[in-house]
């Protein structure tokens, strides 16, 4: 088997594979996208109980923005069904505004 030396000088020559459901795969992909790490690094850190530190970059910012937009739309939908979500919706709106402000600082 071929040896692979990674960027931190580790020999990585073992392959680990497992099956997941489509829903689990989607959730893992979402977490990886939001972390800014490679899928390999994210899964390795999670499985070895090491802290996952989000690497801020434009790709992560876009993933966070898109995720917040999805959450916001779902909360708006739920708001039509119940008045109890108003505080949560306004808090989310504030977080979205702050996130948009962060983008403006980088430009």
PDB file of N, CA and C in Angstrom:
ATOM      1  N   UNK A   1       0.835  -1.178   0.000  1.00  0.00           N
ATOM      2  CA  UNK A   1       0.000   0.000   0.000  1.00  0.00           C
ATOM      3  C   UNK A   1       0.886   1.249   0.000  1.00  0.00           C
ATOM      4  N   UNK A   2       0.484   2.238  -0.764  1.00  0.00           N
ATOM      5  CA  UNK A   2       1.245   3.484  -0.905  1.00  0.00           C
ATOM      6  C   UNK A   2       1.104   4.337   0.349  1.00  0.00           C
ATOM      7  N   UNK A   3       2.211   4.947   0.775  1.00  0.00           N
ATOM      8  CA  UNK A   3       2.196   5.825   1.943  1.00  0.00           C
ATOM      9  C   UNK A   3       1.884   7.244   1.495  1.00  0.00           C
ATOM     10  N   UNK A   4       1.133   7.965   2.322  1.00  0.00           N
ATOM     11  CA  UNK A   4       0.782   9.352   2.037  1.00  0.00           C
ATOM     12  C   UNK A   4       1.250  10.224   3.187  1.00  0.00           C
ATOM     13  N   UNK A   5       2.137  11.156   2.906  1.00  0.00           N
ATOM     14  CA  UNK A   5       2.624  12.097   3.907  1.00  0.00           C
ATOM     15  C   UNK A   5       1.754  13.339   3.825  1.00  0.00           C
ATOM     16  N   UNK A   6       1.062  13.682   4.937  1.00  0.00           N
ATOM     17  CA  UNK A   6       0.197  14.849   4.892  1.00  0.00           C
ATOM     18  C   UNK A   6       0.977  16.121   5.225  1.00  0.00           C
ATOM     19  N   UNK A   7       0.273  17.254   5.252  1.00  0.00           N
ATOM     20  CA  UNK A   7       0.922  18.554   5.458  1.00  0.00           C
ATOM     21  C   UNK A   7       1.548  18.689   6.843  1.00  0.00           C
ATOM     22  N   UNK A   8       1.181  17.819   7.786  1.00  0.00           N
ATOM     23  CA  UNK A   8       1.748  17.885   9.136  1.00  0.00           C
ATOM     24  C   UNK A   8       2.790  16.793   9.358  1.00  0.00           C
ATOM     25  N   UNK A   9       3.232  16.172   8.283  1.00  0.00           N
ATOM     26  CA  UNK A   9       4.293  15.175   8.369  1.00  0.00           C
ATOM     27  C   UNK A   9       3.852  13.812   8.872  1.00  0.00           C
ATOM     28  N   UNK A  10       2.559  13.521   8.807  1.00  0.00           N
ATOM     29  CA  UNK A  10       2.055  12.229   9.277  1.00  0.00           C
ATOM     30  C   UNK A  10       1.898  11.286   8.092  1.00  0.00           C
ATOM     31  N   UNK A  11       2.269  10.032   8.304  1.00  0.00           N
ATOM     32  CA  UNK A  11       2.049   9.026   7.271  1.00  0.00           C
ATOM     33  C   UNK A  11       0.628   8.529   7.404  1.00  0.00           C
ATOM     34  N   UNK A  12      -0.141   8.706   6.357  1.00  0.00           N
ATOM     35  CA  UNK A  12      -1.530   8.256   6.374  1.00  0.00           C
ATOM     36  C   UNK A  12      -1.705   7.222   5.271  1.00  0.00           C
ATOM     37  N   UNK A  13      -1.650   5.963   5.668  1.00  0.00           N
ATOM     38  CA  UNK A  13      -1.759   4.896   4.682  1.00  0.00           C
ATOM     39  C   UNK A  13      -2.898   3.929   5.006  1.00  0.00           C
ATOM     40  N   UNK A  14      -3.761   4.288   5.946  1.00  0.00           N
ATOM     41  CA  UNK A  14      -4.914   3.462   6.299  1.00  0.00           C
ATOM     42  C   UNK A  14      -6.184   4.127   5.765  1.00  0.00           C
ATOM     43  N   UNK A  15      -7.098   3.327   5.254  1.00  0.00           N
ATOM     44  CA  UNK A  15      -8.380   3.830   4.765  1.00  0.00           C
ATOM     45  C   UNK A  15      -9.471   3.355   5.706  1.00  0.00           C
ATOM     46  N   UNK A  16     -10.349   4.280   6.098  1.00  0.00           N
ATOM     47  CA  UNK A  16     -11.497   3.963   6.931  1.00  0.00           C
ATOM     48  C   UNK A  16     -12.738   4.337   6.135  1.00  0.00           C
ATOM     49  N   UNK A  17     -13.651   3.392   5.985  1.00  0.00           N
ATOM     50  CA  UNK A  17     -14.871   3.660   5.219  1.00  0.00           C
ATOM     51  C   UNK A  17     -16.066   3.084   5.967  1.00  0.00           C
ATOM     52  N   UNK A  18     -17.215   3.736   5.824  1.00  0.00           N
ATOM     53  CA  UNK A  18     -18.431   3.246   6.446  1.00  0.00           C
ATOM     54  C   UNK A  18     -19.627   3.775   5.664  1.00  0.00           C
ATOM     55  N   UNK A  19     -20.761   3.123   5.838  1.00  0.00           N
ATOM     56  CA  UNK A  19     -21.980   3.506   5.134  1.00  0.00           C
ATOM     57  C   UNK A  19     -22.858   4.354   6.042  1.00  0.00           C
ATOM     58  N   UNK A  20     -23.537   5.318   5.423  1.00  0.00           N
ATOM     59  CA  UNK A  20     -24.500   6.155   6.128  1.00  0.00           C
ATOM     60  C   UNK A  20     -25.740   6.310   5.252  1.00  0.00           C
ATOM     61  N   UNK A  21     -26.822   6.735   5.868  1.00  0.00           N
ATOM     62  CA  UNK A  21     -28.050   6.983   5.111  1.00  0.00           C
ATOM     63  C   UNK A  21     -27.897   8.292   4.341  1.00  0.00           C
ATOM     64  N   UNK A  22     -28.748   8.534   3.353  1.00  0.00           N
ATOM     65  CA  UNK A  22     -28.689   9.816   2.636  1.00  0.00           C
ATOM     66  C   UNK A  22     -28.874  11.008   3.573  1.00  0.00           C
ATOM     67  N   UNK A  23     -29.739  10.861   4.576  1.00  0.00           N
ATOM     68  CA  UNK A  23     -29.957  11.945   5.540  1.00  0.00           C
ATOM     69  C   UNK A  23     -28.707  12.206   6.377  1.00  0.00           C
ATOM     70  N   UNK A  24     -28.059  11.136   6.820  1.00  0.00           N
ATOM     71  CA  UNK A  24     -26.824  11.280   7.597  1.00  0.00           C
ATOM     72  C   UNK A  24     -25.721  11.896   6.749  1.00  0.00           C
ATOM     73  N   UNK A  25     -25.637  11.465   5.490  1.00  0.00           N
ATOM     74  CA  UNK A  25     -24.620  12.018   4.588  1.00  0.00           C
ATOM     75  C   UNK A  25     -24.835  13.512   4.395  1.00  0.00           C
ATOM     76  N   UNK A  26     -26.094  13.913   4.234  1.00  0.00           N
ATOM     77  CA  UNK A  26     -26.412  15.332   4.065  1.00  0.00           C
ATOM     78  C   UNK A  26     -26.019  16.126   5.307  1.00  0.00           C
ATOM     79  N   UNK A  27     -26.313  15.576   6.484  1.00  0.00           N
ATOM     80  CA  UNK A  27     -25.965  16.264   7.730  1.00  0.00           C
ATOM     81  C   UNK A  27     -24.452  16.362   7.901  1.00  0.00           C
ATOM     82  N   UNK A  28     -23.737  15.299   7.612  1.00  0.00           N
ATOM     83  CA  UNK A  28     -22.269  15.327   7.701  1.00  0.00           C
ATOM     84  C   UNK A  28     -21.713  16.358   6.736  1.00  0.00           C
ATOM     85  N   UNK A  29     -22.201  16.361   5.496  1.00  0.00           N
ATOM     86  CA  UNK A  29     -21.726  17.330   4.501  1.00  0.00           C
ATOM     87  C   UNK A  29     -21.989  18.763   4.963  1.00  0.00           C
ATOM     88  N   UNK A  30     -23.142  18.987   5.590  1.00  0.00           N
ATOM     89  CA  UNK A  30     -23.478  20.321   6.090  1.00  0.00           C
ATOM     90  C   UNK A  30     -22.500  20.741   7.187  1.00  0.00           C
ATOM     91  N   UNK A  31     -22.227  19.840   8.122  1.00  0.00           N
ATOM     92  CA  UNK A  31     -21.295  20.150   9.208  1.00  0.00           C
ATOM     93  C   UNK A  31     -19.892  20.418   8.670  1.00  0.00           C
ATOM     94  N   UNK A  32     -19.477  19.632   7.701  1.00  0.00           N
ATOM     95  CA  UNK A  32     -18.153  19.830   7.092  1.00  0.00           C
ATOM     96  C   UNK A  32     -18.088  21.192   6.416  1.00  0.00           C
ATOM     97  N   UNK A  33     -19.122  21.528   5.649  1.00  0.00           N
ATOM     98  CA  UNK A  33     -19.160  22.807   4.943  1.00  0.00           C
ATOM     99  C   UNK A  33     -19.085  23.975   5.934  1.00  0.00           C
ATOM    100  N   UNK A  34     -19.814  23.864   7.042  1.00  0.00           N
ATOM    101  CA  UNK A  34     -19.827  24.935   8.037  1.00  0.00           C
ATOM    102  C   UNK A  34     -18.530  25.012   8.835  1.00  0.00           C
ATOM    103  N   UNK A  35     -17.776  23.921   8.887  1.00  0.00           N
ATOM    104  CA  UNK A  35     -16.520  23.926   9.653  1.00  0.00           C
ATOM    105  C   UNK A  35     -15.364  24.541   8.881  1.00  0.00           C
ATOM    106  N   UNK A  36     -15.424  24.478   7.544  1.00  0.00           N
ATOM    107  CA  UNK A  36     -14.312  24.968   6.739  1.00  0.00           C
ATOM    108  C   UNK A  36     -13.170  23.980   6.626  1.00  0.00           C
ATOM    109  N   UNK A  37     -13.320  22.818   7.226  1.00  0.00           N
ATOM    110  CA  UNK A  37     -12.287  21.785   7.164  1.00  0.00           C
ATOM    111  C   UNK A  37     -12.582  20.831   6.012  1.00  0.00           C
ATOM    112  N   UNK A  38     -11.595  20.015   5.679  1.00  0.00           N
ATOM    113  CA  UNK A  38     -11.867  18.945   4.723  1.00  0.00           C
ATOM    114  C   UNK A  38     -12.714  17.896   5.437  1.00  0.00           C
ATOM    115  N   UNK A  39     -13.414  17.090   4.671  1.00  0.00           N
ATOM    116  CA  UNK A  39     -14.238  16.045   5.283  1.00  0.00           C
ATOM    117  C   UNK A  39     -13.371  15.102   6.111  1.00  0.00           C
ATOM    118  N   UNK A  40     -12.199  14.759   5.596  1.00  0.00           N
ATOM    119  CA  UNK A  40     -11.293  13.868   6.319  1.00  0.00           C
ATOM    120  C   UNK A  40     -10.893  14.478   7.653  1.00  0.00           C
ATOM    121  N   UNK A  41     -10.486  15.735   7.657  1.00  0.00           N
ATOM    122  CA  UNK A  41     -10.064  16.380   8.900  1.00  0.00           C
ATOM    123  C   UNK A  41     -11.223  16.511   9.881  1.00  0.00           C
ATOM    124  N   UNK A  42     -12.407  16.880   9.377  1.00  0.00           N
ATOM    125  CA  UNK A  42     -13.567  17.038  10.255  1.00  0.00           C
ATOM    126  C   UNK A  42     -13.913  15.712  10.931  1.00  0.00           C
ATOM    127  N   UNK A  43     -14.049  14.658  10.134  1.00  0.00           N
ATOM    128  CA  UNK A  43     -14.435  13.355  10.690  1.00  0.00           C
ATOM    129  C   UNK A  43     -13.367  12.832  11.641  1.00  0.00           C
ATOM    130  N   UNK A  44     -12.107  12.982  11.278  1.00  0.00           N
ATOM    131  CA  UNK A  44     -11.027  12.522  12.154  1.00  0.00           C
ATOM    132  C   UNK A  44     -11.066  13.249  13.493  1.00  0.00           C
ATOM    133  N   UNK A  45     -11.242  14.555  13.478  1.00  0.00           N
ATOM    134  CA  UNK A  45     -11.308  15.328  14.723  1.00  0.00           C
ATOM    135  C   UNK A  45     -12.508  14.914  15.563  1.00  0.00           C
ATOM    136  N   UNK A  46     -13.655  14.730  14.924  1.00  0.00           N
ATOM    137  CA  UNK A  46     -14.853  14.343  15.675  1.00  0.00           C
ATOM    138  C   UNK A  46     -14.711  12.952  16.289  1.00  0.00           C
ATOM    139  N   UNK A  47     -14.174  12.018  15.544  1.00  0.00           N
ATOM    140  CA  UNK A  47     -14.061  10.652  16.039  1.00  0.00           C
ATOM    141  C   UNK A  47     -12.985  10.483  17.101  1.00  0.00           C
ATOM    142  N   UNK A  48     -12.007  11.355  17.107  1.00  0.00           N
ATOM    143  CA  UNK A  48     -10.935  11.263  18.100  1.00  0.00           C
ATOM    144  C   UNK A  48     -11.133  12.272  19.232  1.00  0.00           C
ATOM    145  N   UNK A  49     -12.336  12.856  19.308  1.00  0.00           N
ATOM    146  CA  UNK A  49     -12.717  13.783  20.369  1.00  0.00           C
ATOM    147  C   UNK A  49     -11.819  15.008  20.455  1.00  0.00           C
ATOM    148  N   UNK A  50     -11.263  15.406  19.326  1.00  0.00           N
ATOM    149  CA  UNK A  50     -10.497  16.650  19.298  1.00  0.00           C
ATOM    150  C   UNK A  50     -11.422  17.786  18.917  1.00  0.00           C
ATOM    151  N   UNK A  51     -11.103  18.967  19.391  1.00  0.00           N
ATOM    152  CA  UNK A  51     -11.933  20.130  19.127  1.00  0.00           C
ATOM    153  C   UNK A  51     -11.935  20.469  17.642  1.00  0.00           C
ATOM    154  N   UNK A  52     -13.116  20.768  17.132  1.00  0.00           N
ATOM    155  CA  UNK A  52     -13.253  21.213  15.747  1.00  0.00           C
ATOM    156  C   UNK A  52     -13.299  22.733  15.783  1.00  0.00           C
ATOM    157  N   UNK A  53     -12.277  23.372  15.216  1.00  0.00           N
ATOM    158  CA  UNK A  53     -12.215  24.824  15.169  1.00  0.00           C
ATOM    159  C   UNK A  53     -12.578  25.261  13.759  1.00  0.00           C
ATOM    160  N   UNK A  54     -13.606  26.096  13.678  1.00  0.00           N
ATOM    161  CA  UNK A  54     -14.062  26.560  12.371  1.00  0.00           C
ATOM    162  C   UNK A  54     -12.998  27.478  11.774  1.00  0.00           C
ATOM    163  N   UNK A  55     -12.626  27.195  10.546  1.00  0.00           N
ATOM    164  CA  UNK A  55     -11.649  27.991   9.821  1.00  0.00           C
ATOM    165  C   UNK A  55     -12.393  29.039   9.004  1.00  0.00           C
ATOM    166  N   UNK A  56     -12.377  30.280   9.480  1.00  0.00           N
ATOM    167  CA  UNK A  56     -13.113  31.337   8.790  1.00  0.00           C
ATOM    168  C   UNK A  56     -12.504  31.668   7.440  1.00  0.00           C
ATOM    169  N   UNK A  57     -13.329  31.634   6.413  1.00  0.00           N
ATOM    170  CA  UNK A  57     -12.930  32.015   5.065  1.00  0.00           C
ATOM    171  C   UNK A  57     -14.196  32.301   4.274  1.00  0.00           C
ATOM    172  N   UNK A  58     -14.088  32.820   3.066  1.00  0.00           N
ATOM    173  CA  UNK A  58     -15.292  33.155   2.292  1.00  0.00           C
ATOM    174  C   UNK A  58     -16.235  31.962   2.077  1.00  0.00           C
ATOM    175  N   UNK A  59     -15.683  30.780   1.917  1.00  0.00           N
ATOM    176  CA  UNK A  59     -16.506  29.592   1.701  1.00  0.00           C
ATOM    177  C   UNK A  59     -17.343  29.286   2.951  1.00  0.00           C
ATOM    178  N   UNK A  60     -16.733  29.405   4.128  1.00  0.00           N
ATOM    179  CA  UNK A  60     -17.453  29.172   5.381  1.00  0.00           C
ATOM    180  C   UNK A  60     -18.505  30.258   5.577  1.00  0.00           C
ATOM    181  N   UNK A  61     -18.146  31.507   5.292  1.00  0.00           N
ATOM    182  CA  UNK A  61     -19.095  32.607   5.420  1.00  0.00           C
ATOM    183  C   UNK A  61     -20.326  32.336   4.558  1.00  0.00           C
ATOM    184  N   UNK A  62     -20.114  31.915   3.323  1.00  0.00           N
ATOM    185  CA  UNK A  62     -21.231  31.641   2.412  1.00  0.00           C
ATOM    186  C   UNK A  62     -22.083  30.493   2.941  1.00  0.00           C
ATOM    187  N   UNK A  63     -21.452  29.441   3.461  1.00  0.00           N
ATOM    188  CA  UNK A  63     -22.195  28.307   4.012  1.00  0.00           C
ATOM    189  C   UNK A  63     -23.021  28.745   5.218  1.00  0.00           C
ATOM    190  N   UNK A  64     -22.436  29.568   6.089  1.00  0.00           N
ATOM    191  CA  UNK A  64     -23.175  30.071   7.254  1.00  0.00           C
ATOM    192  C   UNK A  64     -24.339  30.946   6.824  1.00  0.00           C
ATOM    193  N   UNK A  65     -24.100  31.822   5.867  1.00  0.00           N
ATOM    194  CA  UNK A  65     -25.151  32.703   5.370  1.00  0.00           C
ATOM    195  C   UNK A  65     -26.304  31.900   4.781  1.00  0.00           C
ATOM    196  N   UNK A  66     -25.981  30.895   3.976  1.00  0.00           N
ATOM    197  CA  UNK A  66     -27.020  30.081   3.354  1.00  0.00           C
ATOM    198  C   UNK A  66     -27.796  29.277   4.393  1.00  0.00           C
ATOM    199  N   UNK A  67     -27.073  28.767   5.396  1.00  0.00           N
ATOM    200  CA  UNK A  67     -27.734  28.011   6.456  1.00  0.00           C
ATOM    201  C   UNK A  67     -28.669  28.913   7.250  1.00  0.00           C
ATOM    202  N   UNK A  68     -28.221  30.115   7.562  1.00  0.00           N
ATOM    203  CA  UNK A  68     -29.064  31.068   8.292  1.00  0.00           C
ATOM    204  C   UNK A  68     -30.305  31.415   7.470  1.00  0.00           C
ATOM    205  N   UNK A  69     -30.164  31.564   6.171  1.00  0.00           N
ATOM    206  CA  UNK A  69     -31.306  31.876   5.313  1.00  0.00           C
ATOM    207  C   UNK A  69     -32.325  30.742   5.342  1.00  0.00           C
ATOM    208  N   UNK A  70     -31.851  29.498   5.314  1.00  0.00           N
ATOM    209  CA  UNK A  70     -32.761  28.352   5.385  1.00  0.00           C
ATOM    210  C   UNK A  70     -33.499  28.326   6.715  1.00  0.00           C
ATOM    211  N   UNK A  71     -32.778  28.571   7.797  1.00  0.00           N
ATOM    212  CA  UNK A  71     -33.394  28.584   9.130  1.00  0.00           C
ATOM    213  C   UNK A  71     -34.422  29.705   9.218  1.00  0.00           C
ATOM    214  N   UNK A  72     -34.064  30.863   8.703  1.00  0.00           N
ATOM    215  CA  UNK A  72     -34.960  32.018   8.744  1.00  0.00           C
ATOM    216  C   UNK A  72     -36.258  31.724   7.987  1.00  0.00           C
ATOM    217  N   UNK A  73     -36.147  31.127   6.807  1.00  0.00           N
ATOM    218  CA  UNK A  73     -37.340  30.802   6.016  1.00  0.00           C
ATOM    219  C   UNK A  73     -38.211  29.783   6.747  1.00  0.00           C
ATOM    220  N   UNK A  74     -37.589  28.810   7.387  1.00  0.00           N
ATOM    221  CA  UNK A  74     -38.355  27.810   8.136  1.00  0.00           C
ATOM    222  C   UNK A  74     -39.061  28.458   9.320  1.00  0.00           C
ATOM    223  N   UNK A  75     -38.392  29.365  10.005  1.00  0.00           N
ATOM    224  CA  UNK A  75     -39.027  30.046  11.127  1.00  0.00           C
ATOM    225  C   UNK A  75     -40.170  30.944  10.671  1.00  0.00           C
ATOM    226  N   UNK A  76     -40.017  31.574   9.519  1.00  0.00           N
ATOM    227  CA  UNK A  76     -41.117  32.381   8.989  1.00  0.00           C
ATOM    228  C   UNK A  76     -42.332  31.493   8.695  1.00  0.00           C
ATOM    229  N   UNK A  77     -42.059  30.302   8.171  1.00  0.00           N
ATOM    230  CA  UNK A  77     -43.138  29.364   7.895  1.00  0.00           C
ATOM    231  C   UNK A  77     -43.827  28.950   9.193  1.00  0.00           C
ATOM    232  N   UNK A  78     -43.028  28.671  10.217  1.00  0.00           N
ATOM    233  CA  UNK A  78     -43.571  28.261  11.509  1.00  0.00           C
ATOM    234  C   UNK A  78     -44.327  29.398  12.188  1.00  0.00           C
ATOM    235  N   UNK A  79     -43.890  30.617  11.934  1.00  0.00           N
ATOM    236  CA  UNK A  79     -44.536  31.770  12.566  1.00  0.00           C
ATOM    237  C   UNK A  79     -46.004  31.846  12.170  1.00  0.00           C
ATOM    238  N   UNK A  80     -46.323  31.437  10.970  1.00  0.00           N
ATOM    239  CA  UNK A  80     -47.714  31.445  10.512  1.00  0.00           C
ATOM    240  C   UNK A  80     -48.562  30.465  11.327  1.00  0.00           C
ATOM    241  N   UNK A  81     -47.914  29.447  11.896  1.00  0.00           N
ATOM    242  CA  UNK A  81     -48.629  28.428  12.664  1.00  0.00           C
ATOM    243  C   UNK A  81     -48.714  28.772  14.145  1.00  0.00           C
ATOM    244  N   UNK A  82     -47.789  29.563  14.656  1.00  0.00           N
ATOM    245  CA  UNK A  82     -47.722  29.817  16.088  1.00  0.00           C
ATOM    246  C   UNK A  82     -47.110  31.178  16.358  1.00  0.00           C
ATOM    247  N   UNK A  83     -47.623  31.856  17.376  1.00  0.00           N
ATOM    248  CA  UNK A  83     -47.084  33.156  17.759  1.00  0.00           C
ATOM    249  C   UNK A  83     -45.890  33.026  18.702  1.00  0.00           C
ATOM    250  N   UNK A  84     -45.590  31.833  19.200  1.00  0.00           N
ATOM    251  CA  UNK A  84     -44.526  31.622  20.178  1.00  0.00           C
ATOM    252  C   UNK A  84     -43.121  31.776  19.630  1.00  0.00           C
ATOM    253  N   UNK A  85     -42.983  31.850  18.311  1.00  0.00           N
ATOM    254  CA  UNK A  85     -41.654  31.910  17.708  1.00  0.00           C
ATOM    255  C   UNK A  85     -41.171  33.337  17.460  1.00  0.00           C
ATOM    256  N   UNK A  86     -41.956  34.346  17.851  1.00  0.00           N
ATOM    257  CA  UNK A  86     -41.622  35.731  17.526  1.00  0.00           C
ATOM    258  C   UNK A  86     -40.265  36.146  18.094  1.00  0.00           C
ATOM    259  N   UNK A  87     -39.999  35.804  19.347  1.00  0.00           N
ATOM    260  CA  UNK A  87     -38.719  36.176  19.963  1.00  0.00           C
ATOM    261  C   UNK A  87     -37.557  35.488  19.250  1.00  0.00           C
ATOM    262  N   UNK A  88     -37.718  34.206  18.970  1.00  0.00           N
ATOM    263  CA  UNK A  88     -36.669  33.463  18.270  1.00  0.00           C
ATOM    264  C   UNK A  88     -36.434  34.039  16.880  1.00  0.00           C
ATOM    265  N   UNK A  89     -37.515  34.384  16.199  1.00  0.00           N
ATOM    266  CA  UNK A  89     -37.409  34.954  14.857  1.00  0.00           C
ATOM    267  C   UNK A  89     -36.683  36.298  14.885  1.00  0.00           C
ATOM    268  N   UNK A  90     -36.999  37.146  15.868  1.00  0.00           N
ATOM    269  CA  UNK A  90     -36.332  38.447  15.941  1.00  0.00           C
ATOM    270  C   UNK A  90     -34.859  38.294  16.310  1.00  0.00           C
ATOM    271  N   UNK A  91     -34.545  37.325  17.165  1.00  0.00           N
ATOM    272  CA  UNK A  91     -33.139  37.062  17.504  1.00  0.00           C
ATOM    273  C   UNK A  91     -32.375  36.585  16.287  1.00  0.00           C
ATOM    274  N   UNK A  92     -32.971  35.679  15.535  1.00  0.00           N
ATOM    275  CA  UNK A  92     -32.334  35.175  14.321  1.00  0.00           C
ATOM    276  C   UNK A  92     -32.126  36.300  13.322  1.00  0.00           C
ATOM    277  N   UNK A  93     -33.112  37.193  13.220  1.00  0.00           N
ATOM    278  CA  UNK A  93     -32.986  38.320  12.310  1.00  0.00           C
ATOM    279  C   UNK A  93     -31.809  39.209  12.705  1.00  0.00           C
ATOM    280  N   UNK A  94     -31.619  39.429  14.007  1.00  0.00           N
ATOM    281  CA  UNK A  94     -30.493  40.223  14.492  1.00  0.00           C
ATOM    282  C   UNK A  94     -29.166  39.546  14.146  1.00  0.00           C
ATOM    283  N   UNK A  95     -29.095  38.235  14.369  1.00  0.00           N
ATOM    284  CA  UNK A  95     -27.874  37.494  14.047  1.00  0.00           C
ATOM    285  C   UNK A  95     -27.584  37.597  12.548  1.00  0.00           C
ATOM    286  N   UNK A  96     -28.621  37.510  11.726  1.00  0.00           N
ATOM    287  CA  UNK A  96     -28.439  37.622  10.274  1.00  0.00           C
ATOM    288  C   UNK A  96     -27.909  39.000   9.901  1.00  0.00           C
ATOM    289  N   UNK A  97     -28.423  40.031  10.545  1.00  0.00           N
ATOM    290  CA  UNK A  97     -27.947  41.385  10.269  1.00  0.00           C
ATOM    291  C   UNK A  97     -26.480  41.542  10.671  1.00  0.00           C
ATOM    292  N   UNK A  98     -26.109  40.973  11.799  1.00  0.00           N
ATOM    293  CA  UNK A  98     -24.709  41.028  12.248  1.00  0.00           C
ATOM    294  C   UNK A  98     -23.820  40.290  11.264  1.00  0.00           C
ATOM    295  N   UNK A  99     -24.283  39.099  10.834  1.00  0.00           N
ATOM    296  CA  UNK A  99     -23.509  38.332   9.858  1.00  0.00           C
ATOM    297  C   UNK A  99     -23.326  39.113   8.568  1.00  0.00           C
ATOM    298  N   UNK A 100     -24.373  39.786   8.116  1.00  0.00           N
ATOM    299  CA  UNK A 100     -24.251  40.621   6.929  1.00  0.00           C
ATOM    300  C   UNK A 100     -23.276  41.766   7.166  1.00  0.00           C
ATOM    301  N   UNK A 101     -23.262  42.307   8.363  1.00  0.00           N
ATOM    302  CA  UNK A 101     -22.317  43.369   8.707  1.00  0.00           C
ATOM    303  C   UNK A 101     -20.886  42.891   8.684  1.00  0.00           C
ATOM    304  N   UNK A 102     -20.658  41.661   9.105  1.00  0.00           N
ATOM    305  CA  UNK A 102     -19.306  41.100   9.074  1.00  0.00           C
ATOM    306  C   UNK A 102     -18.794  41.011   7.648  1.00  0.00           C
ATOM    307  N   UNK A 103     -19.661  40.657   6.728  1.00  0.00           N
ATOM    308  CA  UNK A 103     -19.243  40.589   5.336  1.00  0.00           C
ATOM    309  C   UNK A 103     -18.809  41.960   4.843  1.00  0.00           C
ATOM    310  N   UNK A 104     -19.555  42.989   5.243  1.00  0.00           N
ATOM    311  CA  UNK A 104     -19.221  44.346   4.831  1.00  0.00           C
ATOM    312  C   UNK A 104     -17.880  44.793   5.323  1.00  0.00           C
ATOM    313  N   UNK A 105     -17.457  44.340   6.510  1.00  0.00           N
ATOM    314  CA  UNK A 105     -16.147  44.720   7.054  1.00  0.00           C
ATOM    315  C   UNK A 105     -15.010  44.133   6.233  1.00  0.00           C
ATOM    316  N   UNK A 106     -15.227  42.963   5.642  1.00  0.00           N
ATOM    317  CA  UNK A 106     -14.174  42.291   4.889  1.00  0.00           C
ATOM    318  C   UNK A 106     -14.015  42.848   3.491  1.00  0.00           C
ATOM    319  N   UNK A 107     -15.081  43.503   2.973  1.00  0.00           N
ATOM    320  CA  UNK A 107     -15.032  43.994   1.593  1.00  0.00           C
ATOM    321  C   UNK A 107     -14.328  45.322   1.492  1.00  0.00           C
TER     322      UNK A 107
END
